[in-house]
PDB file of N, CA and C in Angstrom:
ATOM      1  N   MET A   1      21.893  10.413 -66.049  1.00  0.00           N
ATOM      2  CA  MET A   1      21.708   9.722 -64.791  1.00  0.00           C
ATOM      3  C   MET A   1      23.067   9.249 -64.296  1.00  0.00           C
ATOM      4  N   ARG A   2      23.309   9.466 -63.035  1.00  0.00           N
ATOM      5  CA  ARG A   2      24.559   9.009 -62.410  1.00  0.00           C
ATOM      6  C   ARG A   2      24.354   7.608 -61.829  1.00  0.00           C
ATOM      7  N   HIS A   3      25.447   6.956 -61.553  1.00  0.00           N
ATOM      8  CA  HIS A   3      25.383   5.617 -60.960  1.00  0.00           C
ATOM      9  C   HIS A   3      24.643   5.640 -59.631  1.00  0.00           C
ATOM     10  N   THR A   4      24.834   6.709 -58.858  1.00  0.00           N
ATOM     11  CA  THR A   4      24.156   6.787 -57.550  1.00  0.00           C
ATOM     12  C   THR A   4      22.641   6.836 -57.712  1.00  0.00           C
ATOM     13  N   GLU A   5      22.164   7.590 -58.692  1.00  0.00           N
ATOM     14  CA  GLU A   5      20.721   7.641 -58.943  1.00  0.00           C
ATOM     15  C   GLU A   5      20.215   6.290 -59.446  1.00  0.00           C
ATOM     16  N   PHE A   6      21.003   5.664 -60.314  1.00  0.00           N
ATOM     17  CA  PHE A   6      20.621   4.341 -60.819  1.00  0.00           C
ATOM     18  C   PHE A   6      20.430   3.361 -59.668  1.00  0.00           C
ATOM     19  N   TRP A   7      21.411   3.301 -58.766  1.00  0.00           N
ATOM     20  CA  TRP A   7      21.326   2.344 -57.659  1.00  0.00           C
ATOM     21  C   TRP A   7      20.226   2.717 -56.666  1.00  0.00           C
ATOM     22  N   ALA A   8      19.965   3.987 -56.514  1.00  0.00           N
ATOM     23  CA  ALA A   8      18.853   4.407 -55.648  1.00  0.00           C
ATOM     24  C   ALA A   8      17.531   3.902 -56.214  1.00  0.00           C
ATOM     25  N   ARG A   9      17.368   3.985 -57.527  1.00  0.00           N
ATOM     26  CA  ARG A   9      16.144   3.477 -58.165  1.00  0.00           C
ATOM     27  C   ARG A   9      16.056   1.950 -58.043  1.00  0.00           C
ATOM     28  N   MET A  10      17.178   1.291 -58.254  1.00  0.00           N
ATOM     29  CA  MET A  10      17.184  -0.173 -58.115  1.00  0.00           C
ATOM     30  C   MET A  10      16.767  -0.560 -56.697  1.00  0.00           C
ATOM     31  N   ASN A  11      17.347   0.109 -55.706  1.00  0.00           N
ATOM     32  CA  ASN A  11      17.018  -0.187 -54.305  1.00  0.00           C
ATOM     33  C   ASN A  11      15.557   0.103 -54.002  1.00  0.00           C
ATOM     34  N   GLN A  12      15.030   1.162 -54.574  1.00  0.00           N
ATOM     35  CA  GLN A  12      13.637   1.532 -54.349  1.00  0.00           C
ATOM     36  C   GLN A  12      12.693   0.450 -54.859  1.00  0.00           C
ATOM     37  N   HIS A  13      13.000  -0.104 -56.018  1.00  0.00           N
ATOM     38  CA  HIS A  13      12.079  -1.046 -56.647  1.00  0.00           C
ATOM     39  C   HIS A  13      12.335  -2.503 -56.283  1.00  0.00           C
ATOM     40  N   LEU A  14      13.553  -2.824 -55.921  1.00  0.00           N
ATOM     41  CA  LEU A  14      13.874  -4.219 -55.623  1.00  0.00           C
ATOM     42  C   LEU A  14      14.285  -4.453 -54.177  1.00  0.00           C
ATOM     43  N   GLY A  15      14.548  -3.388 -53.457  1.00  0.00           N
ATOM     44  CA  GLY A  15      15.016  -3.522 -52.085  1.00  0.00           C
ATOM     45  C   GLY A  15      16.533  -3.520 -52.036  1.00  0.00           C
ATOM     46  N   GLU A  16      17.059  -2.967 -50.961  1.00  0.00           N
ATOM     47  CA  GLU A  16      18.511  -2.816 -50.847  1.00  0.00           C
ATOM     48  C   GLU A  16      19.246  -4.150 -50.805  1.00  0.00           C
ATOM     49  N   SER A  17      18.626  -5.166 -50.255  1.00  0.00           N
ATOM     50  CA  SER A  17      19.323  -6.454 -50.167  1.00  0.00           C
ATOM     51  C   SER A  17      19.204  -7.262 -51.457  1.00  0.00           C
ATOM     52  N   TYR A  18      18.113  -7.080 -52.213  1.00  0.00           N
ATOM     53  CA  TYR A  18      17.907  -7.886 -53.414  1.00  0.00           C
ATOM     54  C   TYR A  18      18.457  -7.228 -54.677  1.00  0.00           C
ATOM     55  N   ALA A  19      18.491  -5.906 -54.733  1.00  0.00           N
ATOM     56  CA  ALA A  19      18.925  -5.210 -55.948  1.00  0.00           C
ATOM     57  C   ALA A  19      20.314  -5.640 -56.433  1.00  0.00           C
ATOM     58  N   PRO A  20      21.314  -5.727 -55.560  1.00  0.00           N
ATOM     59  CA  PRO A  20      22.638  -6.156 -56.052  1.00  0.00           C
ATOM     60  C   PRO A  20      22.636  -7.590 -56.594  1.00  0.00           C
ATOM     61  N   THR A  21      21.896  -8.458 -55.943  1.00  0.00           N
ATOM     62  CA  THR A  21      21.811  -9.848 -56.407  1.00  0.00           C
ATOM     63  C   THR A  21      21.141  -9.914 -57.771  1.00  0.00           C
ATOM     64  N   TRP A  22      20.036  -9.198 -57.906  1.00  0.00           N
ATOM     65  CA  TRP A  22      19.308  -9.161 -59.173  1.00  0.00           C
ATOM     66  C   TRP A  22      20.211  -8.614 -60.271  1.00  0.00           C
ATOM     67  N   ALA A  23      20.961  -7.558 -59.955  1.00  0.00           N
ATOM     68  CA  ALA A  23      21.860  -6.937 -60.929  1.00  0.00           C
ATOM     69  C   ALA A  23      22.971  -7.890 -61.375  1.00  0.00           C
ATOM     70  N   ASP A  24      23.373  -8.770 -60.492  1.00  0.00           N
ATOM     71  CA  ASP A  24      24.434  -9.735 -60.819  1.00  0.00           C
ATOM     72  C   ASP A  24      23.920 -10.956 -61.564  1.00  0.00           C
ATOM     73  N   GLN A  25      22.632 -11.257 -61.450  1.00  0.00           N
ATOM     74  CA  GLN A  25      22.115 -12.513 -61.994  1.00  0.00           C
ATOM     75  C   GLN A  25      21.167 -12.377 -63.181  1.00  0.00           C
ATOM     76  N   MET A  26      20.459 -11.261 -63.278  1.00  0.00           N
ATOM     77  CA  MET A  26      19.451 -11.108 -64.325  1.00  0.00           C
ATOM     78  C   MET A  26      20.101 -10.726 -65.646  1.00  0.00           C
ATOM     79  N   VAL A  27      19.995 -11.608 -66.620  1.00  0.00           N
ATOM     80  CA  VAL A  27      20.521 -11.343 -67.960  1.00  0.00           C
ATOM     81  C   VAL A  27      19.402 -10.681 -68.758  1.00  0.00           C
ATOM     82  N   ILE A  28      19.716  -9.562 -69.387  1.00  0.00           N
ATOM     83  CA  ILE A  28      18.720  -8.783 -70.110  1.00  0.00           C
ATOM     84  C   ILE A  28      19.122  -8.703 -71.577  1.00  0.00           C
ATOM     85  N   SER A  29      18.235  -9.129 -72.454  1.00  0.00           N
ATOM     86  CA  SER A  29      18.560  -9.161 -73.881  1.00  0.00           C
ATOM     87  C   SER A  29      18.827  -7.760 -74.428  1.00  0.00           C
ATOM     88  N   ALA A  30      18.130  -6.746 -73.923  1.00  0.00           N
ATOM     89  CA  ALA A  30      18.347  -5.369 -74.391  1.00  0.00           C
ATOM     90  C   ALA A  30      19.741  -4.846 -74.035  1.00  0.00           C
ATOM     91  N   LEU A  31      20.414  -5.544 -73.147  1.00  0.00           N
ATOM     92  CA  LEU A  31      21.792  -5.183 -72.777  1.00  0.00           C
ATOM     93  C   LEU A  31      22.781  -6.134 -73.443  1.00  0.00           C
ATOM     94  N   ASP A  32      22.401  -6.636 -74.599  1.00  0.00           N
ATOM     95  CA  ASP A  32      23.230  -7.568 -75.368  1.00  0.00           C
ATOM     96  C   ASP A  32      23.521  -8.847 -74.602  1.00  0.00           C
ATOM     97  N   GLY A  33      22.511  -9.309 -73.864  1.00  0.00           N
ATOM     98  CA  GLY A  33      22.652 -10.573 -73.145  1.00  0.00           C
ATOM     99  C   GLY A  33      23.575 -10.488 -71.946  1.00  0.00           C
ATOM    100  N   ARG A  34      23.714  -9.300 -71.398  1.00  0.00           N
ATOM    101  CA  ARG A  34      24.554  -9.109 -70.216  1.00  0.00           C
ATOM    102  C   ARG A  34      23.677  -8.860 -69.001  1.00  0.00           C
ATOM    103  N   THR A  35      24.281  -9.030 -67.842  1.00  0.00           N
ATOM    104  CA  THR A  35      23.603  -8.653 -66.614  1.00  0.00           C
ATOM    105  C   THR A  35      23.714  -7.139 -66.457  1.00  0.00           C
ATOM    106  N   VAL A  36      22.949  -6.607 -65.528  1.00  0.00           N
ATOM    107  CA  VAL A  36      23.034  -5.172 -65.232  1.00  0.00           C
ATOM    108  C   VAL A  36      24.453  -4.797 -64.836  1.00  0.00           C
ATOM    109  N   ARG A  37      25.036  -5.563 -63.962  1.00  0.00           N
ATOM    110  CA  ARG A  37      26.393  -5.267 -63.487  1.00  0.00           C
ATOM    111  C   ARG A  37      27.396  -5.335 -64.636  1.00  0.00           C
ATOM    112  N   GLU A  38      27.290  -6.354 -65.478  1.00  0.00           N
ATOM    113  CA  GLU A  38      28.207  -6.486 -66.611  1.00  0.00           C
ATOM    114  C   GLU A  38      28.080  -5.295 -67.562  1.00  0.00           C
ATOM    115  N   ALA A  39      26.849  -4.866 -67.809  1.00  0.00           N
ATOM    116  CA  ALA A  39      26.629  -3.727 -68.703  1.00  0.00           C
ATOM    117  C   ALA A  39      27.240  -2.455 -68.124  1.00  0.00           C
ATOM    118  N   LEU A  40      27.003  -2.209 -66.844  1.00  0.00           N
ATOM    119  CA  LEU A  40      27.582  -1.022 -66.212  1.00  0.00           C
ATOM    120  C   LEU A  40      29.109  -1.086 -66.224  1.00  0.00           C
ATOM    121  N   ASP A  41      29.661  -2.252 -65.912  1.00  0.00           N
ATOM    122  CA  ASP A  41      31.123  -2.414 -65.906  1.00  0.00           C
ATOM    123  C   ASP A  41      31.724  -2.239 -67.303  1.00  0.00           C
ATOM    124  N   ALA A  42      30.928  -2.548 -68.335  1.00  0.00           N
ATOM    125  CA  ALA A  42      31.402  -2.401 -69.709  1.00  0.00           C
ATOM    126  C   ALA A  42      31.267  -0.967 -70.216  1.00  0.00           C
ATOM    127  N   GLY A  43      30.717  -0.090 -69.385  1.00  0.00           N
ATOM    128  CA  GLY A  43      30.615   1.312 -69.764  1.00  0.00           C
ATOM    129  C   GLY A  43      29.290   1.743 -70.359  1.00  0.00           C
ATOM    130  N   VAL A  44      28.293   0.864 -70.320  1.00  0.00           N
ATOM    131  CA  VAL A  44      26.969   1.250 -70.799  1.00  0.00           C
ATOM    132  C   VAL A  44      26.435   2.320 -69.846  1.00  0.00           C
ATOM    133  N   PRO A  45      25.939   3.431 -70.374  1.00  0.00           N
ATOM    134  CA  PRO A  45      25.454   4.507 -69.508  1.00  0.00           C
ATOM    135  C   PRO A  45      24.325   4.029 -68.584  1.00  0.00           C
ATOM    136  N   PRO A  46      24.355   4.455 -67.321  1.00  0.00           N
ATOM    137  CA  PRO A  46      23.323   4.032 -66.373  1.00  0.00           C
ATOM    138  C   PRO A  46      21.897   4.305 -66.854  1.00  0.00           C
ATOM    139  N   LYS A  47      21.698   5.403 -67.574  1.00  0.00           N
ATOM    140  CA  LYS A  47      20.363   5.715 -68.082  1.00  0.00           C
ATOM    141  C   LYS A  47      19.882   4.638 -69.058  1.00  0.00           C
ATOM    142  N   GLN A  48      20.762   4.156 -69.911  1.00  0.00           N
ATOM    143  CA  GLN A  48      20.422   3.099 -70.864  1.00  0.00           C
ATOM    144  C   GLN A  48      20.140   1.787 -70.128  1.00  0.00           C
ATOM    145  N   VAL A  49      20.934   1.501 -69.111  1.00  0.00           N
ATOM    146  CA  VAL A  49      20.718   0.287 -68.320  1.00  0.00           C
ATOM    147  C   VAL A  49      19.386   0.395 -67.579  1.00  0.00           C
ATOM    148  N   TRP A  50      19.093   1.574 -67.026  1.00  0.00           N
ATOM    149  CA  TRP A  50      17.834   1.752 -66.308  1.00  0.00           C
ATOM    150  C   TRP A  50      16.641   1.526 -67.229  1.00  0.00           C
ATOM    151  N   ARG A  51      16.714   2.007 -68.453  1.00  0.00           N
ATOM    152  CA  ARG A  51      15.609   1.793 -69.398  1.00  0.00           C
ATOM    153  C   ARG A  51      15.364   0.309 -69.629  1.00  0.00           C
ATOM    154  N   ALA A  52      16.430  -0.458 -69.718  1.00  0.00           N
ATOM    155  CA  ALA A  52      16.287  -1.906 -69.892  1.00  0.00           C
ATOM    156  C   ALA A  52      15.679  -2.540 -68.640  1.00  0.00           C
ATOM    157  N   VAL A  53      16.141  -2.119 -67.470  1.00  0.00           N
ATOM    158  CA  VAL A  53      15.596  -2.622 -66.207  1.00  0.00           C
ATOM    159  C   VAL A  53      14.129  -2.244 -66.093  1.00  0.00           C
ATOM    160  N   TRP A  54      13.817  -0.995 -66.393  1.00  0.00           N
ATOM    161  CA  TRP A  54      12.449  -0.475 -66.339  1.00  0.00           C
ATOM    162  C   TRP A  54      11.514  -1.339 -67.180  1.00  0.00           C
ATOM    163  N   GLU A  55      11.982  -1.708 -68.360  1.00  0.00           N
ATOM    164  CA  GLU A  55      11.164  -2.523 -69.258  1.00  0.00           C
ATOM    165  C   GLU A  55      10.965  -3.931 -68.703  1.00  0.00           C
ATOM    166  N   VAL A  56      12.024  -4.531 -68.213  1.00  0.00           N
ATOM    167  CA  VAL A  56      11.935  -5.891 -67.677  1.00  0.00           C
ATOM    168  C   VAL A  56      11.006  -5.938 -66.449  1.00  0.00           C
ATOM    169  N   LEU A  57      11.113  -4.938 -65.607  1.00  0.00           N
ATOM    170  CA  LEU A  57      10.283  -4.902 -64.401  1.00  0.00           C
ATOM    171  C   LEU A  57       8.867  -4.417 -64.670  1.00  0.00           C
ATOM    172  N   GLN A  58       8.620  -3.951 -65.877  1.00  0.00           N
ATOM    173  CA  GLN A  58       7.308  -3.434 -66.292  1.00  0.00           C
ATOM    174  C   GLN A  58       6.822  -2.358 -65.312  1.00  0.00           C
ATOM    175  N   LEU A  59       7.700  -1.394 -65.077  1.00  0.00           N
ATOM    176  CA  LEU A  59       7.371  -0.290 -64.182  1.00  0.00           C
ATOM    177  C   LEU A  59       6.522   0.741 -64.912  1.00  0.00           C
ATOM    178  N   PRO A  60       5.779   1.567 -64.182  1.00  0.00           N
ATOM    179  CA  PRO A  60       4.958   2.588 -64.820  1.00  0.00           C
ATOM    180  C   PRO A  60       5.818   3.623 -65.544  1.00  0.00           C
ATOM    181  N   ALA A  61       5.216   4.283 -66.506  1.00  0.00           N
ATOM    182  CA  ALA A  61       5.927   5.283 -67.297  1.00  0.00           C
ATOM    183  C   ALA A  61       6.530   6.385 -66.426  1.00  0.00           C
ATOM    184  N   SER A  62       5.896   6.691 -65.329  1.00  0.00           N
ATOM    185  CA  SER A  62       6.396   7.739 -64.443  1.00  0.00           C
ATOM    186  C   SER A  62       7.751   7.395 -63.826  1.00  0.00           C
ATOM    187  N   GLU A  63       8.125   6.124 -63.842  1.00  0.00           N
ATOM    188  CA  GLU A  63       9.397   5.674 -63.282  1.00  0.00           C
ATOM    189  C   GLU A  63      10.507   5.616 -64.318  1.00  0.00           C
ATOM    190  N   ARG A  64      10.191   5.933 -65.548  1.00  0.00           N
ATOM    191  CA  ARG A  64      11.180   5.848 -66.605  1.00  0.00           C
ATOM    192  C   ARG A  64      12.190   6.926 -66.442  1.00  0.00           C
TER     193      ARG A  64
END
């Protein structure tokens, strides 16, 4: 998964105006207690970050 696909999914599920805010503020334990943005900036692959987001948002399996 590329960063562009990751952000497209974030925008789809959270909205274009809220997704960046959520990514900056939501700390996720599966990302070692980092925010989405911190994890991506640290080099965590977008696919791994998306799986953590998917779990937190309790999205359907089809969105994984």
